Amino acid sequence: QVPFVESGGGLVQPGGSLRLSCAGAGDSVSDEIMTWHRQAPGKAREWVATHFPGGATFYTDSVKGRFTVSRDEAKNTMYLEMNSLQPEDTAVYYCQKHGTSTWGQGTQVTVSS
């Protein structure tokens, strides 16, 4: 069983918004350092953000000011709010607990007019 399940992706026009979810399946987001990553077509997977249990979050430069990570521990879910989406944000998005190596199936985000 994968530890987390990503959802919420889809097709959106440039400038649009999406909210991705990372729901705990075989694992918990509570008190864990959680990360978001993405893999664009033909490119290596890249780190997007790291979210600490206390709320501190670090983002890769290309998404700063546009993406926001949050979590709801009661729902065992982490979120990635994405605004002002651009075609270069097109990728499969994954979440992962920091320090682990298992990946879920991810959720596809396509930004296109």
C-alpha atoms as a PDB file:
ATOM      1  CA  GLN A   1       0.000   0.000   0.000  1.00  0.00           C
ATOM      2  CA  VAL A   2       1.334   3.423  -0.909  1.00  0.00           C
ATOM      3  CA  PRO A   3       1.741   5.701   2.084  1.00  0.00           C
ATOM      4  CA  PHE A   4       0.057   8.747   0.523  1.00  0.00           C
ATOM      5  CA  VAL A   5      -2.392   9.316  -2.322  1.00  0.00           C
ATOM      6  CA  GLU A   6      -2.265  12.472  -4.405  1.00  0.00           C
ATOM      7  CA  SER A   7      -5.351  13.962  -6.043  1.00  0.00           C
ATOM      8  CA  GLY A   8      -6.802  17.205  -7.346  1.00  0.00           C
ATOM      9  CA  GLY A   9      -4.877  17.590 -10.567  1.00  0.00           C
ATOM     10  CA  GLY A  10      -6.432  18.522 -13.872  1.00  0.00           C
ATOM     11  CA  LEU A  11      -6.350  20.814 -16.856  1.00  0.00           C
ATOM     12  CA  VAL A  12      -6.292  24.531 -16.120  1.00  0.00           C
ATOM     13  CA  GLN A  13      -5.685  27.635 -18.188  1.00  0.00           C
ATOM     14  CA  PRO A  14      -2.651  29.845 -17.579  1.00  0.00           C
ATOM     15  CA  GLY A  15      -3.316  32.099 -14.623  1.00  0.00           C
ATOM     16  CA  GLY A  16      -5.683  29.589 -13.080  1.00  0.00           C
ATOM     17  CA  SER A  17      -5.598  27.777  -9.757  1.00  0.00           C
ATOM     18  CA  LEU A  18      -5.738  24.249  -8.420  1.00  0.00           C
ATOM     19  CA  ARG A  19      -5.561  22.667  -4.998  1.00  0.00           C
ATOM     20  CA  LEU A  20      -3.837  19.331  -4.718  1.00  0.00           C
ATOM     21  CA  SER A  21      -4.380  16.928  -1.853  1.00  0.00           C
ATOM     22  CA  CYS A  22      -2.034  14.405  -0.313  1.00  0.00           C
ATOM     23  CA  ALA A  23      -4.057  12.011   1.799  1.00  0.00           C
ATOM     24  CA  GLY A  24      -2.480   9.549   4.180  1.00  0.00           C
ATOM     25  CA  ALA A  25      -3.260   5.965   3.209  1.00  0.00           C
ATOM     26  CA  GLY A  26      -0.679   3.720   4.806  1.00  0.00           C
ATOM     27  CA  ASP A  27       0.996   6.558   6.688  1.00  0.00           C
ATOM     28  CA  SER A  28       0.260   9.748   8.598  1.00  0.00           C
ATOM     29  CA  VAL A  29       1.089  13.412   7.979  1.00  0.00           C
ATOM     30  CA  SER A  30       0.897  14.176  11.702  1.00  0.00           C
ATOM     31  CA  ASP A  31       4.113  15.535  13.181  1.00  0.00           C
ATOM     32  CA  GLU A  32       6.006  14.680  10.008  1.00  0.00           C
ATOM     33  CA  ILE A  33       8.098  16.761   7.654  1.00  0.00           C
ATOM     34  CA  MET A  34       6.258  16.477   4.353  1.00  0.00           C
ATOM     35  CA  THR A  35       7.377  17.378   0.857  1.00  0.00           C
ATOM     36  CA  TRP A  36       5.928  18.072  -2.578  1.00  0.00           C
ATOM     37  CA  HIS A  37       7.767  17.211  -5.761  1.00  0.00           C
ATOM     38  CA  ARG A  38       6.936  17.317  -9.450  1.00  0.00           C
ATOM     39  CA  GLN A  39       8.124  15.743 -12.671  1.00  0.00           C
ATOM     40  CA  ALA A  40       7.613  17.523 -15.960  1.00  0.00           C
ATOM     41  CA  PRO A  41       7.572  15.601 -19.248  1.00  0.00           C
ATOM     42  CA  GLY A  42      11.090  14.588 -20.221  1.00  0.00           C
ATOM     43  CA  LYS A  43      12.628  16.040 -17.083  1.00  0.00           C
ATOM     44  CA  ALA A  44      13.877  14.715 -13.767  1.00  0.00           C
ATOM     45  CA  ARG A  45      11.676  14.872 -10.709  1.00  0.00           C
ATOM     46  CA  GLU A  46      12.255  18.115  -8.790  1.00  0.00           C
ATOM     47  CA  TRP A  47      11.567  19.303  -5.280  1.00  0.00           C
ATOM     48  CA  VAL A  48       8.792  21.868  -4.914  1.00  0.00           C
ATOM     49  CA  ALA A  49       8.269  22.464  -1.196  1.00  0.00           C
ATOM     50  CA  THR A  50       8.955  21.181   2.309  1.00  0.00           C
ATOM     51  CA  HIS A  51       6.408  21.672   5.079  1.00  0.00           C
ATOM     52  CA  PHE A  52       7.292  21.327   8.765  1.00  0.00           C
ATOM     53  CA  PRO A  53       4.810  20.306  11.475  1.00  0.00           C
ATOM     54  CA  GLY A  54       4.994  23.764  13.050  1.00  0.00           C
ATOM     55  CA  GLY A  55       3.940  25.353   9.787  1.00  0.00           C
ATOM     56  CA  ALA A  56       7.232  26.603   8.393  1.00  0.00           C
ATOM     57  CA  THR A  57       7.443  25.961   4.677  1.00  0.00           C
ATOM     58  CA  PHE A  58      10.214  26.280   2.132  1.00  0.00           C
ATOM     59  CA  TYR A  59       9.607  26.549  -1.611  1.00  0.00           C
ATOM     60  CA  THR A  60      11.660  26.259  -4.719  1.00  0.00           C
ATOM     61  CA  ASP A  61      12.219  29.700  -6.232  1.00  0.00           C
ATOM     62  CA  SER A  62      10.004  29.143  -9.258  1.00  0.00           C
ATOM     63  CA  VAL A  63       6.844  28.719  -7.139  1.00  0.00           C
ATOM     64  CA  LYS A  64       7.469  31.217  -4.328  1.00  0.00           C
ATOM     65  CA  GLY A  65       4.552  33.583  -3.921  1.00  0.00           C
ATOM     66  CA  ARG A  66       2.279  31.369  -6.030  1.00  0.00           C
ATOM     67  CA  PHE A  67       2.115  28.038  -4.178  1.00  0.00           C
ATOM     68  CA  THR A  68       1.105  27.485  -0.559  1.00  0.00           C
ATOM     69  CA  VAL A  69       1.355  24.288   1.470  1.00  0.00           C
ATOM     70  CA  SER A  70      -0.942  23.511   4.364  1.00  0.00           C
ATOM     71  CA  ARG A  71      -2.119  20.450   6.222  1.00  0.00           C
ATOM     72  CA  ASP A  72      -5.149  19.267   8.143  1.00  0.00           C
ATOM     73  CA  GLU A  73      -3.966  16.634  10.580  1.00  0.00           C
ATOM     74  CA  ALA A  74      -7.526  15.764  11.580  1.00  0.00           C
ATOM     75  CA  LYS A  75      -8.087  14.694   7.980  1.00  0.00           C
ATOM     76  CA  ASN A  76      -4.578  13.247   7.676  1.00  0.00           C
ATOM     77  CA  THR A  77      -4.120  15.354   4.554  1.00  0.00           C
ATOM     78  CA  MET A  78      -1.623  17.868   3.207  1.00  0.00           C
ATOM     79  CA  TYR A  79      -2.544  20.389   0.525  1.00  0.00           C
ATOM     80  CA  LEU A  80      -0.768  22.324  -2.199  1.00  0.00           C
ATOM     81  CA  GLU A  81      -2.629  25.459  -3.225  1.00  0.00           C
ATOM     82  CA  MET A  82      -1.366  26.579  -6.623  1.00  0.00           C
ATOM     83  CA  ASN A  83      -2.204  30.005  -8.024  1.00  0.00           C
ATOM     84  CA  SER A  84      -1.138  31.921 -11.126  1.00  0.00           C
ATOM     85  CA  LEU A  85      -0.336  28.646 -12.833  1.00  0.00           C
ATOM     86  CA  GLN A  86       1.864  28.745 -15.892  1.00  0.00           C
ATOM     87  CA  PRO A  87       2.558  26.191 -18.640  1.00  0.00           C
ATOM     88  CA  GLU A  88       5.920  25.427 -17.036  1.00  0.00           C
ATOM     89  CA  ASP A  89       4.060  24.158 -13.973  1.00  0.00           C
ATOM     90  CA  THR A  90       2.757  21.261 -16.070  1.00  0.00           C
ATOM     91  CA  ALA A  91       3.936  18.082 -14.359  1.00  0.00           C
ATOM     92  CA  VAL A  92       2.935  15.097 -12.316  1.00  0.00           C
ATOM     93  CA  TYR A  93       2.899  16.184  -8.675  1.00  0.00           C
ATOM     94  CA  TYR A  94       3.884  13.876  -5.838  1.00  0.00           C
ATOM     95  CA  CYS A  95       3.945  14.124  -2.068  1.00  0.00           C
ATOM     96  CA  GLN A  96       6.263  12.250   0.243  1.00  0.00           C
ATOM     97  CA  LYS A  97       7.272  12.064   3.862  1.00  0.00           C
ATOM     98  CA  HIS A  98      10.773  13.494   4.246  1.00  0.00           C
ATOM     99  CA  GLY A  99      13.435  10.818   4.494  1.00  0.00           C
ATOM    100  CA  THR A 100      11.431   8.101   2.781  1.00  0.00           C
ATOM    101  CA  SER A 101      11.811   6.685  -0.706  1.00  0.00           C
ATOM    102  CA  THR A 102       8.339   5.469  -1.640  1.00  0.00           C
ATOM    103  CA  TRP A 103       6.396   7.383  -4.271  1.00  0.00           C
ATOM    104  CA  GLY A 104       2.699   7.318  -4.983  1.00  0.00           C
ATOM    105  CA  GLN A 105       1.134   7.571  -8.421  1.00  0.00           C
ATOM    106  CA  GLY A 106       1.010  11.333  -8.337  1.00  0.00           C
ATOM    107  CA  THR A 107      -1.571  13.622  -9.855  1.00  0.00           C
ATOM    108  CA  GLN A 108      -1.276  15.226 -13.286  1.00  0.00           C
ATOM    109  CA  VAL A 109      -1.418  19.005 -13.592  1.00  0.00           C
ATOM    110  CA  THR A 110      -1.646  20.429 -17.090  1.00  0.00           C
ATOM    111  CA  VAL A 111      -1.571  24.174 -17.669  1.00  0.00           C
ATOM    112  CA  SER A 112      -2.612  25.018 -21.196  1.00  0.00           C
ATOM    113  CA  SER A 113      -4.904  27.325 -23.109  1.00  0.00           C
END
